[in-house]
Amino acid sequence: MNKIRLQEKALLEKICNENNLSVKLVSELIKSAEKFSYENISLNVRIKEYLDLINFYATNDKGDS
């Protein structure tokens, strides 16, 4: 891994630990968000899609904590 990826991983782990979140959950959420292009979507639609992603992964992640 390059230096930037290692720093990103360390920062993600730190933030997740501070907020009592699953690193796996947050990583999957970020990957999912990166797959979508939001250039032509309104802010309200974007917010709804992020909330849907959070709810989806939070529901599926209950046993991983």
C-alpha atoms as a PDB file:
ATOM      1  CA  MET A   1       0.000   0.000   0.000  1.00  0.00           C
ATOM      2  CA  ASN A   2       1.179   3.463  -0.669  1.00  0.00           C
ATOM      3  CA  LYS A   3       1.659   6.014   2.066  1.00  0.00           C
ATOM      4  CA  ILE A   4      -1.573   7.901   1.381  1.00  0.00           C
ATOM      5  CA  ARG A   5      -3.689   4.717   1.518  1.00  0.00           C
ATOM      6  CA  LEU A   6      -2.105   3.776   4.850  1.00  0.00           C
ATOM      7  CA  GLN A   7      -2.851   7.239   6.219  1.00  0.00           C
ATOM      8  CA  GLU A   8      -6.447   7.025   4.966  1.00  0.00           C
ATOM      9  CA  LYS A   9      -6.881   3.630   6.610  1.00  0.00           C
ATOM     10  CA  ALA A  10      -5.411   4.832   9.914  1.00  0.00           C
ATOM     11  CA  LEU A  11      -7.626   7.922   9.904  1.00  0.00           C
ATOM     12  CA  LEU A  12     -10.725   5.872   9.070  1.00  0.00           C
ATOM     13  CA  GLU A  13      -9.991   3.452  11.916  1.00  0.00           C
ATOM     14  CA  LYS A  14      -9.413   6.335  14.343  1.00  0.00           C
ATOM     15  CA  ILE A  15     -12.658   8.096  13.412  1.00  0.00           C
ATOM     16  CA  CYS A  16     -14.667   4.872  13.525  1.00  0.00           C
ATOM     17  CA  ASN A  17     -13.263   3.956  16.945  1.00  0.00           C
ATOM     18  CA  GLU A  18     -13.995   7.442  18.306  1.00  0.00           C
ATOM     19  CA  ASN A  19     -17.598   7.233  17.094  1.00  0.00           C
ATOM     20  CA  ASN A  20     -18.174   3.565  17.924  1.00  0.00           C
ATOM     21  CA  LEU A  21     -18.753   2.638  14.255  1.00  0.00           C
ATOM     22  CA  SER A  22     -17.824  -0.477  12.363  1.00  0.00           C
ATOM     23  CA  VAL A  23     -14.850   0.119  10.056  1.00  0.00           C
ATOM     24  CA  LYS A  24     -16.365  -2.399   7.653  1.00  0.00           C
ATOM     25  CA  LEU A  25     -19.670  -0.500   7.602  1.00  0.00           C
ATOM     26  CA  VAL A  26     -18.036   2.841   6.904  1.00  0.00           C
ATOM     27  CA  SER A  27     -15.679   1.370   4.298  1.00  0.00           C
ATOM     28  CA  GLU A  28     -18.584  -0.194   2.414  1.00  0.00           C
ATOM     29  CA  LEU A  29     -20.531   3.048   2.637  1.00  0.00           C
ATOM     30  CA  ILE A  30     -17.615   4.991   1.142  1.00  0.00           C
ATOM     31  CA  LYS A  31     -17.129   2.423  -1.623  1.00  0.00           C
ATOM     32  CA  SER A  32     -20.824   2.534  -2.481  1.00  0.00           C
ATOM     33  CA  ALA A  33     -20.841   6.325  -2.538  1.00  0.00           C
ATOM     34  CA  GLU A  34     -17.801   6.387  -4.833  1.00  0.00           C
ATOM     35  CA  LYS A  35     -19.600   4.118  -7.331  1.00  0.00           C
ATOM     36  CA  PHE A  36     -22.331   6.677  -7.921  1.00  0.00           C
ATOM     37  CA  SER A  37     -22.021   9.937  -9.821  1.00  0.00           C
ATOM     38  CA  TYR A  38     -24.032  12.717  -8.224  1.00  0.00           C
ATOM     39  CA  GLU A  39     -23.280  15.396 -10.805  1.00  0.00           C
ATOM     40  CA  ASN A  40     -26.840  15.534 -12.156  1.00  0.00           C
ATOM     41  CA  ILE A  41     -28.779  14.782  -8.985  1.00  0.00           C
ATOM     42  CA  SER A  42     -30.389  17.380  -6.757  1.00  0.00           C
ATOM     43  CA  LEU A  43     -29.217  17.845  -3.191  1.00  0.00           C
ATOM     44  CA  ASN A  44     -32.441  16.384  -1.745  1.00  0.00           C
ATOM     45  CA  VAL A  45     -32.132  13.236  -3.857  1.00  0.00           C
ATOM     46  CA  ARG A  46     -28.463  12.911  -2.891  1.00  0.00           C
ATOM     47  CA  ILE A  47     -29.293  13.214   0.813  1.00  0.00           C
ATOM     48  CA  LYS A  48     -32.047  10.605   0.498  1.00  0.00           C
ATOM     49  CA  GLU A  49     -29.697   8.182  -1.283  1.00  0.00           C
ATOM     50  CA  TYR A  50     -27.013   8.614   1.390  1.00  0.00           C
ATOM     51  CA  LEU A  51     -29.584   8.002   4.119  1.00  0.00           C
ATOM     52  CA  ASP A  52     -30.818   4.914   2.280  1.00  0.00           C
ATOM     53  CA  LEU A  53     -27.235   3.605   2.044  1.00  0.00           C
ATOM     54  CA  ILE A  54     -26.624   4.266   5.734  1.00  0.00           C
ATOM     55  CA  ASN A  55     -29.854   2.490   6.698  1.00  0.00           C
ATOM     56  CA  PHE A  56     -29.107  -0.446   4.397  1.00  0.00           C
ATOM     57  CA  TYR A  57     -25.600  -1.032   5.731  1.00  0.00           C
ATOM     58  CA  ALA A  58     -26.567  -0.325   9.349  1.00  0.00           C
ATOM     59  CA  THR A  59     -29.328  -2.941   9.106  1.00  0.00           C
ATOM     60  CA  ASN A  60     -27.012  -5.512   7.531  1.00  0.00           C
ATOM     61  CA  ASP A  61     -24.147  -4.770   9.938  1.00  0.00           C
ATOM     62  CA  LYS A  62     -25.878  -5.384  13.287  1.00  0.00           C
ATOM     63  CA  GLY A  63     -23.988  -8.634  13.936  1.00  0.00           C
ATOM     64  CA  ASP A  64     -20.496  -7.331  13.096  1.00  0.00           C
ATOM     65  CA  SER A  65     -19.904  -5.009  16.060  1.00  0.00           C
END
